[in-house]
Amino acid sequence: LCTTIEYIKLMIMAKRFYSSISVAMLIGLLLATLTSCGGKDPKEVAEEAVKAELNGDLERFYDLLTQEDKDAMTLENFKHFYTIPDELADAIELIPEVKESIKVDKFTSSVNGETATVTYFIYLPDLEKIGNLSLEDAKTILSMKSHRLKDLPEEIQNKIKESVKKDGVPTRSYDRSLKLKREGDEWRVFLDLANQVNSR
């Protein structure tokens, strides 16, 4: 009888032991699954894409696009399509402070099933207000065929540079938004490049 009772106790202990192992394995499996599926949320993906674009890392920006967008445009065409305006490129080249003035913040996301919209603010230099130029300077600029900064007389360029060093770069804020789609376990930026290509 004593042996039978001990046997029953051993069976109960063994059952508890293996149950504990099974629960531990199940928890571990769930954690691993959650980790593999727990990619970045739409706001994080959008923020990474916007910052990659502003830093000129168009390869990283392209990598964050949906497959639909990638099918519509190759990386090389994307690099050509997404170039910054000449006026801003000139300003960045001539005045290093201009690039430093470009900032983004206040990212907020709204998720609707398999799609999401992320809104944010971007602060860009107000090129029309850069530099304390005289009326005579303005007339000189207007009389020129090209109004690009790099084509302005050196004297005017130097006035603009000195003004920026003294007063900083004036900026304007703009509200922007990005659409995202879920692909598997990841959120991807959707630019609808196929429609943009067809409308050009």
C-alpha atoms as a PDB file:
ATOM      1  CA  LEU A   1       0.000   0.000   0.000  1.00  0.00           C
ATOM      2  CA  CYS A   2       2.832   2.308   0.903  1.00  0.00           C
ATOM      3  CA  THR A   3       4.474   1.643  -2.450  1.00  0.00           C
ATOM      4  CA  THR A   4       1.239   2.375  -4.294  1.00  0.00           C
ATOM      5  CA  ILE A   5       0.792   5.700  -2.471  1.00  0.00           C
ATOM      6  CA  GLU A   6       4.377   6.705  -3.210  1.00  0.00           C
ATOM      7  CA  TYR A   7       3.867   5.786  -6.863  1.00  0.00           C
ATOM      8  CA  ILE A   8       0.787   7.985  -7.060  1.00  0.00           C
ATOM      9  CA  LYS A   9       2.683  10.884  -5.483  1.00  0.00           C
ATOM     10  CA  LEU A  10       5.517  10.455  -7.977  1.00  0.00           C
ATOM     11  CA  MET A  11       3.040  10.463 -10.872  1.00  0.00           C
ATOM     12  CA  ILE A  12       1.421  13.687  -9.608  1.00  0.00           C
ATOM     13  CA  MET A  13       4.836  15.346  -9.204  1.00  0.00           C
ATOM     14  CA  ALA A  14       5.891  14.196 -12.664  1.00  0.00           C
ATOM     15  CA  LYS A  15       2.666  15.521 -14.164  1.00  0.00           C
ATOM     16  CA  ARG A  16       3.195  18.898 -12.485  1.00  0.00           C
ATOM     17  CA  PHE A  17       6.807  18.955 -13.611  1.00  0.00           C
ATOM     18  CA  TYR A  18       6.020  18.266 -17.248  1.00  0.00           C
ATOM     19  CA  SER A  19       3.076  20.667 -17.108  1.00  0.00           C
ATOM     20  CA  SER A  20       5.436  23.397 -15.884  1.00  0.00           C
ATOM     21  CA  ILE A  21       7.832  22.634 -18.730  1.00  0.00           C
ATOM     22  CA  SER A  22       5.002  22.720 -21.260  1.00  0.00           C
ATOM     23  CA  VAL A  23       3.747  26.056 -19.925  1.00  0.00           C
ATOM     24  CA  ALA A  24       7.276  27.476 -19.971  1.00  0.00           C
ATOM     25  CA  MET A  25       7.793  26.283 -23.548  1.00  0.00           C
ATOM     26  CA  LEU A  26       4.440  27.704 -24.576  1.00  0.00           C
ATOM     27  CA  ILE A  27       5.248  31.081 -23.016  1.00  0.00           C
ATOM     28  CA  GLY A  28       8.653  31.067 -24.711  1.00  0.00           C
ATOM     29  CA  LEU A  29       7.074  30.231 -28.044  1.00  0.00           C
ATOM     30  CA  LEU A  30       4.511  33.013 -27.650  1.00  0.00           C
ATOM     31  CA  LEU A  31       7.207  35.535 -26.733  1.00  0.00           C
ATOM     32  CA  ALA A  32       9.287  34.530 -29.736  1.00  0.00           C
ATOM     33  CA  THR A  33       6.253  34.858 -31.997  1.00  0.00           C
ATOM     34  CA  LEU A  34       5.372  38.262 -30.594  1.00  0.00           C
ATOM     35  CA  THR A  35       8.931  39.446 -31.034  1.00  0.00           C
ATOM     36  CA  SER A  36       9.065  38.323 -34.652  1.00  0.00           C
ATOM     37  CA  CYS A  37       5.677  39.898 -35.421  1.00  0.00           C
ATOM     38  CA  GLY A  38       6.204  42.997 -33.327  1.00  0.00           C
ATOM     39  CA  GLY A  39       7.713  45.213 -36.005  1.00  0.00           C
ATOM     40  CA  LYS A  40       7.776  48.970 -35.891  1.00  0.00           C
ATOM     41  CA  ASP A  41       4.472  50.789 -35.665  1.00  0.00           C
ATOM     42  CA  PRO A  42       3.329  53.110 -38.515  1.00  0.00           C
ATOM     43  CA  LYS A  43       4.581  56.240 -36.766  1.00  0.00           C
ATOM     44  CA  GLU A  44       8.090  54.812 -36.356  1.00  0.00           C
ATOM     45  CA  VAL A  45       8.232  53.662 -39.984  1.00  0.00           C
ATOM     46  CA  ALA A  46       7.005  57.031 -41.282  1.00  0.00           C
ATOM     47  CA  GLU A  47       9.489  58.917 -39.115  1.00  0.00           C
ATOM     48  CA  GLU A  48      12.353  56.743 -40.350  1.00  0.00           C
ATOM     49  CA  ALA A  49      11.280  57.270 -43.981  1.00  0.00           C
ATOM     50  CA  VAL A  50      10.989  61.047 -43.652  1.00  0.00           C
ATOM     51  CA  LYS A  51      14.364  61.374 -41.926  1.00  0.00           C
ATOM     52  CA  ALA A  52      15.987  59.126 -44.544  1.00  0.00           C
ATOM     53  CA  GLU A  53      14.601  61.384 -47.273  1.00  0.00           C
ATOM     54  CA  LEU A  54      15.824  64.550 -45.557  1.00  0.00           C
ATOM     55  CA  ASN A  55      19.277  63.021 -45.041  1.00  0.00           C
ATOM     56  CA  GLY A  56      19.456  62.143 -48.723  1.00  0.00           C
ATOM     57  CA  ASP A  57      19.399  58.402 -48.001  1.00  0.00           C
ATOM     58  CA  LEU A  58      16.951  57.563 -50.777  1.00  0.00           C
ATOM     59  CA  GLU A  59      17.992  53.910 -50.793  1.00  0.00           C
ATOM     60  CA  ARG A  60      16.734  53.520 -47.223  1.00  0.00           C
ATOM     61  CA  PHE A  61      13.593  55.499 -48.052  1.00  0.00           C
ATOM     62  CA  TYR A  62      12.961  53.226 -51.053  1.00  0.00           C
ATOM     63  CA  ASP A  63      13.520  50.146 -48.892  1.00  0.00           C
ATOM     64  CA  LEU A  64      10.622  51.252 -46.650  1.00  0.00           C
ATOM     65  CA  LEU A  65       8.125  51.474 -49.541  1.00  0.00           C
ATOM     66  CA  THR A  66       5.385  48.971 -50.324  1.00  0.00           C
ATOM     67  CA  GLN A  67       6.047  46.306 -52.925  1.00  0.00           C
ATOM     68  CA  GLU A  68       3.368  47.975 -55.037  1.00  0.00           C
ATOM     69  CA  ASP A  69       5.427  51.171 -55.168  1.00  0.00           C
ATOM     70  CA  LYS A  70       8.639  49.266 -55.892  1.00  0.00           C
ATOM     71  CA  ASP A  71       6.942  47.457 -58.767  1.00  0.00           C
ATOM     72  CA  ALA A  72       5.909  50.825 -60.196  1.00  0.00           C
ATOM     73  CA  MET A  73       9.359  52.441 -60.026  1.00  0.00           C
ATOM     74  CA  THR A  74      12.938  51.211 -59.860  1.00  0.00           C
ATOM     75  CA  LEU A  75      15.389  52.548 -57.300  1.00  0.00           C
ATOM     76  CA  GLU A  76      17.301  54.497 -59.959  1.00  0.00           C
ATOM     77  CA  ASN A  77      14.158  56.193 -61.224  1.00  0.00           C
ATOM     78  CA  PHE A  78      13.089  56.865 -57.653  1.00  0.00           C
ATOM     79  CA  LYS A  79      16.373  58.678 -56.969  1.00  0.00           C
ATOM     80  CA  HIS A  80      15.794  60.833 -60.030  1.00  0.00           C
ATOM     81  CA  PHE A  81      12.122  61.414 -59.177  1.00  0.00           C
ATOM     82  CA  TYR A  82      12.731  62.441 -55.556  1.00  0.00           C
ATOM     83  CA  THR A  83      15.300  65.224 -55.832  1.00  0.00           C
ATOM     84  CA  ILE A  84      15.120  68.348 -53.712  1.00  0.00           C
ATOM     85  CA  PRO A  85      14.312  71.659 -55.481  1.00  0.00           C
ATOM     86  CA  ASP A  86      17.256  73.508 -57.052  1.00  0.00           C
ATOM     87  CA  GLU A  87      16.693  76.581 -54.865  1.00  0.00           C
ATOM     88  CA  LEU A  88      16.954  74.537 -51.673  1.00  0.00           C
ATOM     89  CA  ALA A  89      19.952  72.590 -52.991  1.00  0.00           C
ATOM     90  CA  ASP A  90      21.737  75.866 -53.722  1.00  0.00           C
ATOM     91  CA  ALA A  91      20.948  77.248 -50.277  1.00  0.00           C
ATOM     92  CA  ILE A  92      22.235  74.099 -48.564  1.00  0.00           C
ATOM     93  CA  GLU A  93      25.438  74.226 -50.613  1.00  0.00           C
ATOM     94  CA  LEU A  94      26.129  77.909 -49.927  1.00  0.00           C
ATOM     95  CA  ILE A  95      24.851  78.136 -46.354  1.00  0.00           C
ATOM     96  CA  PRO A  96      25.427  75.084 -44.095  1.00  0.00           C
ATOM     97  CA  GLU A  97      22.969  76.463 -41.521  1.00  0.00           C
ATOM     98  CA  VAL A  98      20.103  75.957 -43.987  1.00  0.00           C
ATOM     99  CA  LYS A  99      20.314  72.161 -43.770  1.00  0.00           C
ATOM    100  CA  GLU A 100      20.472  72.325 -39.977  1.00  0.00           C
ATOM    101  CA  SER A 101      17.241  74.359 -39.941  1.00  0.00           C
ATOM    102  CA  ILE A 102      15.232  71.575 -41.614  1.00  0.00           C
ATOM    103  CA  LYS A 103      13.423  69.655 -38.897  1.00  0.00           C
ATOM    104  CA  VAL A 104      10.413  67.366 -38.431  1.00  0.00           C
ATOM    105  CA  ASP A 105       8.324  66.638 -35.350  1.00  0.00           C
ATOM    106  CA  LYS A 106       4.853  65.952 -33.921  1.00  0.00           C
ATOM    107  CA  PHE A 107       4.337  62.598 -35.653  1.00  0.00           C
ATOM    108  CA  THR A 108       0.874  61.148 -34.988  1.00  0.00           C
ATOM    109  CA  SER A 109      -0.690  58.036 -36.495  1.00  0.00           C
ATOM    110  CA  SER A 110      -4.204  56.836 -37.250  1.00  0.00           C
ATOM    111  CA  VAL A 111      -4.635  53.129 -38.014  1.00  0.00           C
ATOM    112  CA  ASN A 112      -7.602  51.745 -39.940  1.00  0.00           C
ATOM    113  CA  GLY A 113      -7.246  47.994 -40.363  1.00  0.00           C
ATOM    114  CA  GLU A 114      -4.480  47.285 -42.876  1.00  0.00           C
ATOM    115  CA  THR A 115      -3.845  50.952 -43.673  1.00  0.00           C
ATOM    116  CA  ALA A 116      -2.589  53.902 -41.646  1.00  0.00           C
ATOM    117  CA  THR A 117      -2.046  57.637 -42.014  1.00  0.00           C
ATOM    118  CA  VAL A 118       0.790  59.427 -40.240  1.00  0.00           C
ATOM    119  CA  THR A 119       0.739  63.219 -40.014  1.00  0.00           C
ATOM    120  CA  TYR A 120       3.689  65.395 -39.006  1.00  0.00           C
ATOM    121  CA  PHE A 121       5.130  68.889 -39.224  1.00  0.00           C
ATOM    122  CA  ILE A 122       8.173  69.808 -41.285  1.00  0.00           C
ATOM    123  CA  TYR A 123      10.094  73.046 -40.839  1.00  0.00           C
ATOM    124  CA  LEU A 124      11.730  74.335 -44.020  1.00  0.00           C
ATOM    125  CA  PRO A 125      13.829  77.454 -44.606  1.00  0.00           C
ATOM    126  CA  ASP A 126      11.859  80.450 -45.863  1.00  0.00           C
ATOM    127  CA  LEU A 127      14.204  81.350 -48.713  1.00  0.00           C
ATOM    128  CA  GLU A 128      12.318  84.561 -49.483  1.00  0.00           C
ATOM    129  CA  LYS A 129      13.180  85.931 -46.047  1.00  0.00           C
ATOM    130  CA  ILE A 130      16.838  84.903 -45.921  1.00  0.00           C
ATOM    131  CA  GLY A 131      19.173  87.872 -45.831  1.00  0.00           C
ATOM    132  CA  ASN A 132      18.600  91.559 -45.120  1.00  0.00           C
ATOM    133  CA  LEU A 133      18.911  92.781 -48.672  1.00  0.00           C
ATOM    134  CA  SER A 134      18.512  96.353 -49.815  1.00  0.00           C
ATOM    135  CA  LEU A 135      16.111  97.547 -52.470  1.00  0.00           C
ATOM    136  CA  GLU A 136      19.076  97.849 -54.817  1.00  0.00           C
ATOM    137  CA  ASP A 137      19.981  94.213 -54.184  1.00  0.00           C
ATOM    138  CA  ALA A 138      16.402  93.198 -54.939  1.00  0.00           C
ATOM    139  CA  LYS A 139      16.484  95.088 -58.226  1.00  0.00           C
ATOM    140  CA  THR A 140      19.739  93.371 -59.156  1.00  0.00           C
ATOM    141  CA  ILE A 141      18.249  89.957 -58.475  1.00  0.00           C
ATOM    142  CA  LEU A 142      15.072  90.714 -60.454  1.00  0.00           C
ATOM    143  CA  SER A 143      17.128  91.902 -63.426  1.00  0.00           C
ATOM    144  CA  MET A 144      18.966  88.586 -63.640  1.00  0.00           C
ATOM    145  CA  LYS A 145      17.787  85.714 -65.826  1.00  0.00           C
ATOM    146  CA  SER A 146      18.472  83.223 -63.059  1.00  0.00           C
ATOM    147  CA  HIS A 147      17.340  83.854 -59.487  1.00  0.00           C
ATOM    148  CA  ARG A 148      19.187  80.865 -58.058  1.00  0.00           C
ATOM    149  CA  LEU A 149      21.398  81.639 -55.088  1.00  0.00           C
ATOM    150  CA  LYS A 150      24.530  80.211 -56.674  1.00  0.00           C
ATOM    151  CA  ASP A 151      24.128  82.586 -59.644  1.00  0.00           C
ATOM    152  CA  LEU A 152      23.793  85.737 -57.527  1.00  0.00           C
ATOM    153  CA  PRO A 153      26.673  88.240 -57.364  1.00  0.00           C
ATOM    154  CA  GLU A 154      29.235  87.321 -54.703  1.00  0.00           C
ATOM    155  CA  GLU A 155      28.499  90.540 -52.802  1.00  0.00           C
ATOM    156  CA  ILE A 156      24.835  89.577 -52.363  1.00  0.00           C
ATOM    157  CA  GLN A 157      25.756  85.993 -51.452  1.00  0.00           C
ATOM    158  CA  ASN A 158      28.044  87.303 -48.703  1.00  0.00           C
ATOM    159  CA  LYS A 159      25.273  89.581 -47.360  1.00  0.00           C
ATOM    160  CA  ILE A 160      22.959  86.581 -47.122  1.00  0.00           C
ATOM    161  CA  LYS A 161      25.601  84.478 -45.344  1.00  0.00           C
ATOM    162  CA  GLU A 162      26.329  87.240 -42.825  1.00  0.00           C
ATOM    163  CA  SER A 163      22.624  87.722 -42.161  1.00  0.00           C
ATOM    164  CA  VAL A 164      22.175  84.013 -41.456  1.00  0.00           C
ATOM    165  CA  LYS A 165      25.135  83.973 -39.066  1.00  0.00           C
ATOM    166  CA  LYS A 166      23.631  86.897 -37.201  1.00  0.00           C
ATOM    167  CA  ASP A 167      19.891  86.149 -37.217  1.00  0.00           C
ATOM    168  CA  GLY A 168      19.694  82.460 -38.101  1.00  0.00           C
ATOM    169  CA  VAL A 169      17.593  80.866 -40.827  1.00  0.00           C
ATOM    170  CA  PRO A 170      13.912  81.882 -40.954  1.00  0.00           C
ATOM    171  CA  THR A 171      11.650  78.851 -41.323  1.00  0.00           C
ATOM    172  CA  ARG A 172       8.047  78.024 -42.094  1.00  0.00           C
ATOM    173  CA  SER A 173       6.137  74.983 -40.846  1.00  0.00           C
ATOM    174  CA  TYR A 174       4.053  72.771 -43.091  1.00  0.00           C
ATOM    175  CA  ASP A 175       1.759  69.904 -42.149  1.00  0.00           C
ATOM    176  CA  ARG A 176       2.393  66.734 -44.127  1.00  0.00           C
ATOM    177  CA  SER A 177       1.046  63.199 -44.150  1.00  0.00           C
ATOM    178  CA  LEU A 178       2.151  59.759 -45.282  1.00  0.00           C
ATOM    179  CA  LYS A 179      -0.008  56.747 -46.062  1.00  0.00           C
ATOM    180  CA  LEU A 180       1.144  53.302 -45.009  1.00  0.00           C
ATOM    181  CA  LYS A 181      -0.003  49.767 -45.728  1.00  0.00           C
ATOM    182  CA  ARG A 182       0.595  46.589 -43.794  1.00  0.00           C
ATOM    183  CA  GLU A 183       2.541  43.925 -45.651  1.00  0.00           C
ATOM    184  CA  GLY A 184       2.685  40.750 -43.605  1.00  0.00           C
ATOM    185  CA  ASP A 185       3.987  41.776 -40.178  1.00  0.00           C
ATOM    186  CA  GLU A 186       5.464  45.098 -41.309  1.00  0.00           C
ATOM    187  CA  TRP A 187       4.177  48.564 -42.106  1.00  0.00           C
ATOM    188  CA  ARG A 188       5.335  50.078 -45.390  1.00  0.00           C
ATOM    189  CA  VAL A 189       5.107  53.594 -46.795  1.00  0.00           C
ATOM    190  CA  PHE A 190       2.701  53.868 -49.736  1.00  0.00           C
ATOM    191  CA  LEU A 191       3.387  56.754 -52.141  1.00  0.00           C
ATOM    192  CA  ASP A 192       1.139  55.480 -54.948  1.00  0.00           C
ATOM    193  CA  LEU A 193       4.024  55.825 -57.390  1.00  0.00           C
ATOM    194  CA  ALA A 194       2.111  54.073 -60.182  1.00  0.00           C
ATOM    195  CA  ASN A 195      -0.463  56.866 -60.204  1.00  0.00           C
ATOM    196  CA  GLN A 196       2.237  59.547 -60.020  1.00  0.00           C
ATOM    197  CA  VAL A 197       4.099  58.021 -62.970  1.00  0.00           C
ATOM    198  CA  ASN A 198       0.920  57.792 -65.062  1.00  0.00           C
ATOM    199  CA  SER A 199      -0.034  61.393 -64.318  1.00  0.00           C
ATOM    200  CA  ARG A 200       3.296  62.829 -65.468  1.00  0.00           C
END
